[in-house]
Amino acid sequence: MKSSLLAVSGVLALVVTSACGGSGAAVASSGADAATNAEPTDPLAGTDGGAPVGDASAPAPPVASAGCGKAPGATGLAQATITVLGAARHYQLFVPSAYDASRPTRLVFVFHGLGGDGDQIRAYFGFETEANGQALFVYPDGLAQAAQGGRTGWAESDLAFFDALLADISSRYCVDAKRVFAAGHSFGGYMSNLVGCERGDVVSAIAPVSGGLVAGGACKGAVAAWVAHGDRDATVPQSEGIAARNHWVTANGCASTTKATDPSPCVAYDGCTAGHPVTWCSFSGGHFPLPSFTQQAIWEFFSAR
């Protein structure tokens, strides 16, 4: 799979040629809707009373990281930096007050949209309230991108940032290596799809919202995916979210049929391989704001893994 970045009329276009997700042009979030898009044709739409949803397997036992048993540092939110590829990269790490260094804990990466930062996406998603002390959260900051007018964003090279953060946090905190997750909105949705594709042997599940699929290397296989996109999104067309969903439906061995699942209007695909469900939420709306069900639904999807 190959990708390139092009500046088109002042708006970033992400052009994707894909062996593991189709091809097309996606527009990353510019912060404002540029045009109105009709709802795309959905080639995998449909429901029936057929095969059960493929997520009936028992959860995998936890796998303790090297940080388990080490004396915990301060809890709460901390600003930090790490050097990656010769550059100082900034991020925030949230450690809940209930953190127990003897118990492997979920680790959730949350990626911001174009022009955003960790503060913005932390407030936007509000996952910490939903998690109620049951996860560590890391909020990386993207670098300023010349092709995006100096706004912060993501690139395939940021996989090295992900790798470095995962290794560092896992060495200092008791992370459950079987329960690493990635979520994001807009350009952060693209990044969470990228992590799911190229680090599918590391992450357990992803939750891209209002983003699309892009990767520069070979996808690693099945990853549980919760995908949501507005049917009137004029910043990132819903066709991009559908393309990402279609990739995970295929990668996870799902059937083309669905069943309604909570919350409405979401559907779960039938027949997915055990432990690799795909949930699709086509909601009525544009790029902003998030549907009211988003935070709780994503956390419930992650916590079920």
Foldseek 3Di string as FASTA:
>chain_A
DAWDWAQDPLWIKIWADDPQQHTDIWTFFPPDFDDWDAFDDFPLDAADDDFAFQAPDDDDDFDWFQQQPPDADDAAKDWDWDAFPNDTWIKIKHQDPPADSNDAAAEEEEEEGWQDFQVVRCVQQVLCVLCVRRHMYMTTWAFQDVSNVRTGADDQSCVRVVVVVVNVCSNNGTHRQLQYEYEYAGRSLQVRLQCCFCVVVGHQEYEYEQYAYHYHDGGDAFHAYEFEYESTANRTHCVRSSSSLVSNCVRQVFHSHWDCDPPPPKTWTGDGHHSRIYIYHHHHDYRDDDPPCPSNVVVVVSVSD
